[in-house]
């Protein structure tokens, strides 16, 4: 078993052509912006690729805070700060839609007990198959 785990770890290889330097900015009130600046494998700036801006926030749920992460389409840190609110709102709405879809899928799944599952001799009639009256 340890051999399989070691094999998986040895297969984890970083892509030297897709490296980023990460900087974190926060106002300590609303959220965080991660700036991902593309770099070459020697650590120098890679000007052929675009800098990425990723916003982070938390959404309060009945189960506690849920971390949100969302892309911000921006050309600079100042632009990302200005667009943070709209991107956060879109990320929040997408998360709510995803949670509603998960809830819908969970509600529509049907669990059918197998024969003998009720603990009675012979179990439930039909051996776990749906029967129409």
N, C-alpha and C. Protein backbone atom coordinates (compact mmCIF):
# COMPACT_ATOMS: atom_id res chain seq x y z
N UNK A 1 0.82 -1.19 0.00
CA UNK A 1 0.00 0.00 0.00
C UNK A 1 0.86 1.25 0.00
N UNK A 2 1.94 1.24 0.76
CA UNK A 2 2.83 2.39 0.79
C UNK A 2 3.46 2.62 -0.58
N UNK A 3 3.67 1.54 -1.33
CA UNK A 3 4.26 1.68 -2.66
C UNK A 3 3.35 2.48 -3.58
N UNK A 4 2.02 2.25 -3.51
CA UNK A 4 1.10 2.98 -4.36
C UNK A 4 1.10 4.47 -4.02
N UNK A 5 1.16 4.77 -2.74
CA UNK A 5 1.18 6.17 -2.32
C UNK A 5 2.46 6.85 -2.81
N UNK A 6 3.58 6.17 -2.70
CA UNK A 6 4.84 6.72 -3.17
C UNK A 6 4.80 6.93 -4.68
N UNK A 7 4.15 6.02 -5.41
CA UNK A 7 4.03 6.16 -6.86
C UNK A 7 3.23 7.41 -7.21
N UNK A 8 2.14 7.65 -6.47
CA UNK A 8 1.32 8.83 -6.74
C UNK A 8 2.10 10.11 -6.46
N UNK A 9 2.87 10.10 -5.38
CA UNK A 9 3.64 11.30 -5.05
C UNK A 9 4.72 11.56 -6.08
N UNK A 10 5.32 10.51 -6.61
CA UNK A 10 6.37 10.71 -7.60
C UNK A 10 5.79 11.21 -8.94
N UNK A 11 4.49 10.99 -9.17
CA UNK A 11 3.85 11.45 -10.40
C UNK A 11 3.43 12.91 -10.32
N UNK A 12 3.46 13.51 -9.13
CA UNK A 12 3.07 14.92 -8.96
C UNK A 12 4.20 15.80 -9.48
N UNK A 13 4.01 16.32 -10.68
CA UNK A 13 5.04 17.14 -11.32
C UNK A 13 4.47 18.51 -11.64
N UNK A 14 5.21 19.54 -11.27
CA UNK A 14 4.79 20.91 -11.58
C UNK A 14 5.14 21.23 -13.03
N UNK A 15 4.33 22.07 -13.63
CA UNK A 15 4.55 22.51 -15.00
C UNK A 15 5.42 23.77 -14.97
N UNK A 16 6.67 23.66 -15.37
CA UNK A 16 7.61 24.78 -15.33
C UNK A 16 7.21 25.91 -16.27
N UNK A 17 6.33 25.64 -17.22
CA UNK A 17 5.89 26.67 -18.17
C UNK A 17 4.63 27.40 -17.70
N UNK A 18 4.12 27.05 -16.52
CA UNK A 18 2.88 27.64 -16.02
C UNK A 18 3.03 28.06 -14.56
N UNK A 19 4.12 28.73 -14.24
CA UNK A 19 4.39 29.15 -12.87
C UNK A 19 3.92 30.58 -12.63
N UNK A 20 3.49 30.85 -11.39
CA UNK A 20 3.03 32.17 -10.99
C UNK A 20 3.62 32.53 -9.64
N UNK A 21 3.91 33.81 -9.45
CA UNK A 21 4.29 34.35 -8.14
C UNK A 21 3.00 34.92 -7.55
N UNK A 22 2.75 34.63 -6.29
CA UNK A 22 1.49 35.02 -5.67
C UNK A 22 1.72 36.13 -4.65
N UNK A 23 0.90 37.16 -4.74
CA UNK A 23 0.89 38.24 -3.77
C UNK A 23 -0.53 38.36 -3.24
N UNK A 24 -0.67 38.66 -1.96
CA UNK A 24 -1.99 38.73 -1.33
C UNK A 24 -2.24 40.14 -0.82
N UNK A 25 -3.41 40.69 -1.14
CA UNK A 25 -3.82 42.02 -0.69
C UNK A 25 -5.17 41.90 0.01
N UNK A 26 -5.33 42.60 1.11
CA UNK A 26 -6.61 42.57 1.82
C UNK A 26 -6.87 43.92 2.47
N UNK A 27 -8.15 44.22 2.64
CA UNK A 27 -8.53 45.43 3.38
C UNK A 27 -8.88 45.06 4.82
N UNK A 28 -8.74 43.78 5.16
CA UNK A 28 -9.02 43.23 6.49
C UNK A 28 -10.47 43.40 6.91
N UNK A 29 -11.35 43.69 5.97
CA UNK A 29 -12.75 43.89 6.28
C UNK A 29 -13.66 43.08 5.37
N UNK A 30 -13.49 43.26 4.07
CA UNK A 30 -14.40 42.65 3.12
C UNK A 30 -13.84 41.35 2.55
N UNK A 31 -12.59 41.37 2.12
CA UNK A 31 -12.05 40.17 1.49
C UNK A 31 -10.60 40.30 1.11
N UNK A 32 -10.20 39.44 0.21
CA UNK A 32 -8.81 39.30 -0.20
C UNK A 32 -8.72 39.24 -1.72
N UNK A 33 -7.66 39.79 -2.26
CA UNK A 33 -7.35 39.64 -3.69
C UNK A 33 -5.98 38.99 -3.79
N UNK A 34 -5.92 37.89 -4.52
CA UNK A 34 -4.64 37.23 -4.81
C UNK A 34 -4.22 37.65 -6.22
N UNK A 35 -3.01 38.16 -6.31
CA UNK A 35 -2.46 38.54 -7.60
C UNK A 35 -1.47 37.46 -8.01
N UNK A 36 -1.73 36.83 -9.14
CA UNK A 36 -0.87 35.76 -9.65
C UNK A 36 -0.11 36.30 -10.86
N UNK A 37 1.16 36.62 -10.62
CA UNK A 37 2.00 37.19 -11.66
C UNK A 37 2.77 36.06 -12.35
N UNK A 38 2.65 35.91 -13.66
CA UNK A 38 3.33 34.82 -14.36
C UNK A 38 4.85 35.00 -14.31
N UNK A 39 5.54 33.89 -14.07
CA UNK A 39 7.01 33.91 -14.04
C UNK A 39 7.54 32.73 -14.84
N UNK A 40 8.78 32.90 -15.28
CA UNK A 40 9.48 31.80 -15.96
C UNK A 40 10.08 30.90 -14.88
N UNK A 41 10.59 29.75 -15.29
CA UNK A 41 11.13 28.79 -14.32
C UNK A 41 12.33 29.34 -13.56
N UNK A 42 12.97 30.39 -14.05
CA UNK A 42 14.09 31.00 -13.31
C UNK A 42 13.62 32.11 -12.38
N UNK A 43 12.30 32.37 -12.32
CA UNK A 43 11.74 33.36 -11.41
C UNK A 43 11.58 34.75 -12.00
N UNK A 44 12.05 34.96 -13.22
CA UNK A 44 11.90 36.27 -13.85
C UNK A 44 10.48 36.40 -14.41
N UNK A 45 10.03 37.63 -14.54
CA UNK A 45 8.67 37.90 -15.03
C UNK A 45 8.48 37.35 -16.44
N UNK A 46 7.33 36.73 -16.67
CA UNK A 46 6.97 36.21 -17.98
C UNK A 46 5.95 37.18 -18.59
N UNK A 47 6.42 38.11 -19.39
CA UNK A 47 5.56 39.15 -19.94
C UNK A 47 4.64 38.67 -21.06
N UNK A 48 4.82 37.41 -21.49
CA UNK A 48 3.98 36.88 -22.57
C UNK A 48 2.63 36.38 -22.04
N UNK A 49 2.47 36.30 -20.72
CA UNK A 49 1.22 35.84 -20.14
C UNK A 49 0.61 36.94 -19.27
N UNK A 50 -0.70 36.86 -19.07
CA UNK A 50 -1.46 37.87 -18.34
C UNK A 50 -1.43 37.60 -16.83
N UNK A 51 -1.33 38.66 -16.06
CA UNK A 51 -1.46 38.56 -14.60
C UNK A 51 -2.91 38.22 -14.27
N UNK A 52 -3.10 37.31 -13.31
CA UNK A 52 -4.44 36.87 -12.91
C UNK A 52 -4.79 37.48 -11.56
N UNK A 53 -6.06 37.83 -11.38
CA UNK A 53 -6.56 38.38 -10.12
C UNK A 53 -7.69 37.48 -9.63
N UNK A 54 -7.55 36.99 -8.40
CA UNK A 54 -8.54 36.08 -7.82
C UNK A 54 -9.04 36.68 -6.51
N UNK A 55 -10.35 36.87 -6.42
CA UNK A 55 -10.96 37.39 -5.20
C UNK A 55 -11.35 36.26 -4.28
N UNK A 56 -11.33 36.57 -2.99
CA UNK A 56 -11.76 35.60 -1.98
C UNK A 56 -12.65 36.30 -0.96
N UNK A 57 -13.68 35.61 -0.51
CA UNK A 57 -14.60 36.13 0.49
C UNK A 57 -15.21 34.94 1.22
N UNK A 58 -16.09 35.22 2.17
CA UNK A 58 -16.80 34.16 2.87
C UNK A 58 -18.30 34.41 2.79
N UNK A 59 -19.04 33.32 2.65
CA UNK A 59 -20.49 33.38 2.63
C UNK A 59 -20.98 32.66 3.88
N UNK A 60 -21.80 33.31 4.67
CA UNK A 60 -22.31 32.68 5.88
C UNK A 60 -23.47 31.75 5.52
N UNK A 61 -23.39 30.51 6.00
CA UNK A 61 -24.45 29.52 5.79
C UNK A 61 -24.87 28.99 7.15
N UNK A 62 -25.92 28.19 7.17
CA UNK A 62 -26.37 27.59 8.43
C UNK A 62 -25.32 26.62 8.99
N UNK A 63 -24.44 26.13 8.13
CA UNK A 63 -23.38 25.21 8.57
C UNK A 63 -22.10 25.96 8.91
N UNK A 64 -22.12 27.30 8.81
CA UNK A 64 -20.94 28.09 9.10
C UNK A 64 -20.44 28.80 7.86
N UNK A 65 -19.29 29.46 7.96
CA UNK A 65 -18.77 30.21 6.82
C UNK A 65 -18.30 29.29 5.69
N UNK A 66 -18.64 29.67 4.47
CA UNK A 66 -18.24 28.92 3.28
C UNK A 66 -17.30 29.81 2.48
N UNK A 67 -16.05 29.36 2.25
CA UNK A 67 -15.13 30.20 1.49
C UNK A 67 -15.53 30.30 0.02
N UNK A 68 -15.44 31.49 -0.53
CA UNK A 68 -15.73 31.73 -1.95
C UNK A 68 -14.44 32.18 -2.63
N UNK A 69 -14.25 31.73 -3.84
CA UNK A 69 -13.11 32.15 -4.65
C UNK A 69 -13.66 32.45 -6.05
N UNK A 70 -13.22 33.57 -6.63
CA UNK A 70 -13.76 33.98 -7.93
C UNK A 70 -12.72 34.78 -8.69
N UNK A 71 -12.72 34.62 -10.00
CA UNK A 71 -11.81 35.36 -10.86
C UNK A 71 -12.30 36.80 -11.00
N UNK A 72 -11.36 37.72 -11.09
CA UNK A 72 -11.68 39.13 -11.35
C UNK A 72 -11.00 39.50 -12.66
N UNK A 73 -11.78 39.87 -13.66
CA UNK A 73 -11.24 40.25 -14.95
C UNK A 73 -10.73 41.68 -14.85
N UNK A 74 -9.41 41.83 -14.63
CA UNK A 74 -8.83 43.15 -14.40
C UNK A 74 -7.46 43.25 -15.05
N UNK A 75 -7.02 44.49 -15.27
CA UNK A 75 -5.72 44.75 -15.88
C UNK A 75 -4.69 45.25 -14.88
N UNK A 76 -5.14 45.58 -13.66
CA UNK A 76 -4.22 46.08 -12.63
C UNK A 76 -4.84 45.81 -11.27
N UNK A 77 -4.06 45.99 -10.21
CA UNK A 77 -4.58 45.81 -8.86
C UNK A 77 -5.69 46.82 -8.59
N UNK A 78 -5.50 48.06 -9.00
CA UNK A 78 -6.53 49.09 -8.79
C UNK A 78 -7.83 48.71 -9.51
N UNK A 79 -7.71 48.17 -10.71
CA UNK A 79 -8.87 47.72 -11.48
C UNK A 79 -9.55 46.55 -10.76
N UNK A 80 -8.76 45.63 -10.22
CA UNK A 80 -9.30 44.47 -9.49
C UNK A 80 -10.03 44.92 -8.23
N UNK A 81 -9.48 45.92 -7.52
CA UNK A 81 -10.15 46.45 -6.33
C UNK A 81 -11.49 47.06 -6.73
N UNK A 82 -11.52 47.81 -7.81
CA UNK A 82 -12.76 48.45 -8.27
C UNK A 82 -13.80 47.43 -8.70
N UNK A 83 -13.37 46.31 -9.27
CA UNK A 83 -14.30 45.29 -9.78
C UNK A 83 -14.59 44.19 -8.77
N UNK A 84 -13.99 44.26 -7.57
CA UNK A 84 -14.13 43.21 -6.57
C UNK A 84 -15.60 42.95 -6.22
N UNK A 85 -16.37 44.01 -5.95
CA UNK A 85 -17.77 43.85 -5.52
C UNK A 85 -18.63 43.11 -6.53
N UNK A 86 -18.52 43.50 -7.79
CA UNK A 86 -19.32 42.84 -8.83
C UNK A 86 -18.91 41.39 -9.01
N UNK A 87 -17.59 41.13 -8.96
CA UNK A 87 -17.10 39.75 -9.12
C UNK A 87 -17.52 38.90 -7.92
N UNK A 88 -17.49 39.50 -6.72
CA UNK A 88 -17.91 38.77 -5.52
C UNK A 88 -19.40 38.42 -5.60
N UNK A 89 -20.21 39.37 -6.05
CA UNK A 89 -21.65 39.13 -6.19
C UNK A 89 -21.90 37.98 -7.18
N UNK A 90 -21.18 37.98 -8.31
CA UNK A 90 -21.32 36.91 -9.30
C UNK A 90 -20.87 35.57 -8.72
N UNK A 91 -19.77 35.57 -7.97
CA UNK A 91 -19.30 34.34 -7.33
C UNK A 91 -20.28 33.83 -6.29
N UNK A 92 -20.89 34.74 -5.54
CA UNK A 92 -21.90 34.39 -4.55
C UNK A 92 -23.11 33.76 -5.24
N UNK A 93 -23.60 34.40 -6.31
CA UNK A 93 -24.76 33.88 -7.03
C UNK A 93 -24.49 32.52 -7.64
N UNK A 94 -23.28 32.32 -8.20
CA UNK A 94 -22.91 31.03 -8.77
C UNK A 94 -22.88 29.95 -7.68
N UNK A 95 -22.36 30.30 -6.51
CA UNK A 95 -22.30 29.34 -5.40
C UNK A 95 -23.70 28.97 -4.93
N UNK A 96 -24.60 29.95 -4.83
CA UNK A 96 -25.98 29.67 -4.43
C UNK A 96 -26.64 28.74 -5.44
N UNK A 97 -26.44 29.00 -6.74
CA UNK A 97 -27.01 28.11 -7.78
C UNK A 97 -26.45 26.70 -7.64
N UNK A 98 -25.14 26.58 -7.41
CA UNK A 98 -24.52 25.26 -7.25
C UNK A 98 -25.07 24.53 -6.03
N UNK A 99 -25.24 25.25 -4.92
CA UNK A 99 -25.80 24.63 -3.71
C UNK A 99 -27.24 24.19 -3.92
N UNK A 100 -28.03 25.01 -4.62
CA UNK A 100 -29.42 24.63 -4.91
C UNK A 100 -29.47 23.39 -5.80
N UNK A 101 -28.56 23.30 -6.76
CA UNK A 101 -28.51 22.12 -7.64
C UNK A 101 -28.13 20.88 -6.84
N UNK A 102 -27.16 21.01 -5.95
CA UNK A 102 -26.77 19.86 -5.10
C UNK A 102 -27.93 19.44 -4.21
N UNK A 103 -28.65 20.42 -3.66
CA UNK A 103 -29.80 20.12 -2.81
C UNK A 103 -30.89 19.42 -3.62
N UNK A 104 -31.11 19.90 -4.86
CA UNK A 104 -32.13 19.28 -5.72
C UNK A 104 -31.76 17.84 -6.05
N UNK A 105 -30.48 17.61 -6.36
CA UNK A 105 -30.03 16.26 -6.68
C UNK A 105 -30.17 15.34 -5.47
N UNK A 106 -29.84 15.85 -4.29
CA UNK A 106 -29.95 15.02 -3.09
C UNK A 106 -31.41 14.70 -2.78
N UNK A 107 -32.32 15.65 -3.02
CA UNK A 107 -33.74 15.43 -2.75
C UNK A 107 -34.36 14.47 -3.75
N UNK A 108 -33.83 14.41 -4.97
CA UNK A 108 -34.45 13.57 -5.98
C UNK A 108 -33.90 12.14 -5.98
N UNK A 109 -32.86 11.89 -5.21
CA UNK A 109 -32.34 10.52 -5.18
C UNK A 109 -33.25 9.65 -4.33
N UNK A 110 -33.57 8.47 -4.83
CA UNK A 110 -34.48 7.55 -4.15
C UNK A 110 -33.66 6.40 -3.58
N UNK A 111 -33.84 6.16 -2.28
CA UNK A 111 -33.17 5.04 -1.63
C UNK A 111 -34.20 3.95 -1.45
N UNK A 112 -33.92 2.78 -2.02
CA UNK A 112 -34.85 1.66 -1.96
C UNK A 112 -34.22 0.54 -1.16
N UNK A 113 -34.84 0.16 -0.03
CA UNK A 113 -34.25 -0.90 0.79
C UNK A 113 -34.32 -2.25 0.09
N UNK A 114 -33.33 -3.09 0.35
CA UNK A 114 -33.31 -4.44 -0.22
C UNK A 114 -34.17 -5.35 0.64
N UNK A 115 -34.47 -6.55 0.14
CA UNK A 115 -35.27 -7.52 0.88
C UNK A 115 -34.55 -7.84 2.19
N UNK A 116 -35.31 -7.89 3.28
CA UNK A 116 -34.74 -8.20 4.58
C UNK A 116 -34.22 -6.97 5.30
N UNK A 117 -34.27 -5.83 4.69
CA UNK A 117 -33.72 -4.62 5.29
C UNK A 117 -34.58 -4.10 6.43
N UNK A 118 -35.85 -4.44 6.45
CA UNK A 118 -36.74 -3.93 7.49
C UNK A 118 -36.58 -4.70 8.79
N UNK A 119 -35.82 -5.77 8.79
CA UNK A 119 -35.62 -6.56 10.00
C UNK A 119 -36.73 -7.56 10.26
N UNK A 120 -37.69 -7.63 9.37
CA UNK A 120 -38.78 -8.58 9.51
C UNK A 120 -38.49 -9.80 8.66
N UNK A 121 -39.00 -10.95 9.06
CA UNK A 121 -38.78 -12.13 8.22
C UNK A 121 -39.32 -11.87 6.82
N UNK A 122 -38.47 -12.08 5.85
CA UNK A 122 -38.88 -11.86 4.47
C UNK A 122 -38.66 -10.42 4.04
N UNK A 123 -38.42 -9.53 5.00
CA UNK A 123 -38.13 -8.14 4.66
C UNK A 123 -39.34 -7.43 4.09
N UNK A 124 -39.09 -6.40 3.33
CA UNK A 124 -40.16 -5.67 2.69
C UNK A 124 -40.60 -6.41 1.44
N UNK A 125 -41.85 -6.31 1.08
CA UNK A 125 -42.31 -7.01 -0.12
C UNK A 125 -41.65 -6.42 -1.36
N UNK A 126 -41.40 -7.29 -2.32
CA UNK A 126 -40.87 -6.83 -3.60
C UNK A 126 -39.38 -6.92 -3.71
N UNK A 127 -38.68 -7.26 -2.67
CA UNK A 127 -37.23 -7.45 -2.73
C UNK A 127 -36.48 -6.21 -3.14
N UNK A 128 -36.98 -5.02 -2.75
CA UNK A 128 -36.24 -3.80 -3.05
C UNK A 128 -36.57 -3.16 -4.38
N UNK A 129 -37.56 -3.66 -5.05
CA UNK A 129 -37.94 -3.09 -6.34
C UNK A 129 -39.18 -2.24 -6.16
N UNK A 130 -39.28 -1.21 -6.95
CA UNK A 130 -40.47 -0.35 -6.87
C UNK A 130 -41.64 -1.09 -7.48
N UNK A 131 -42.75 -1.07 -6.74
CA UNK A 131 -43.96 -1.72 -7.23
C UNK A 131 -45.05 -0.69 -7.40
N UNK A 132 -45.71 -0.75 -8.49
CA UNK A 132 -46.84 0.15 -8.73
C UNK A 132 -48.12 -0.54 -8.29
N UNK A 133 -49.02 0.19 -7.64
CA UNK A 133 -50.30 -0.43 -7.17
C UNK A 133 -51.18 -0.87 -8.31
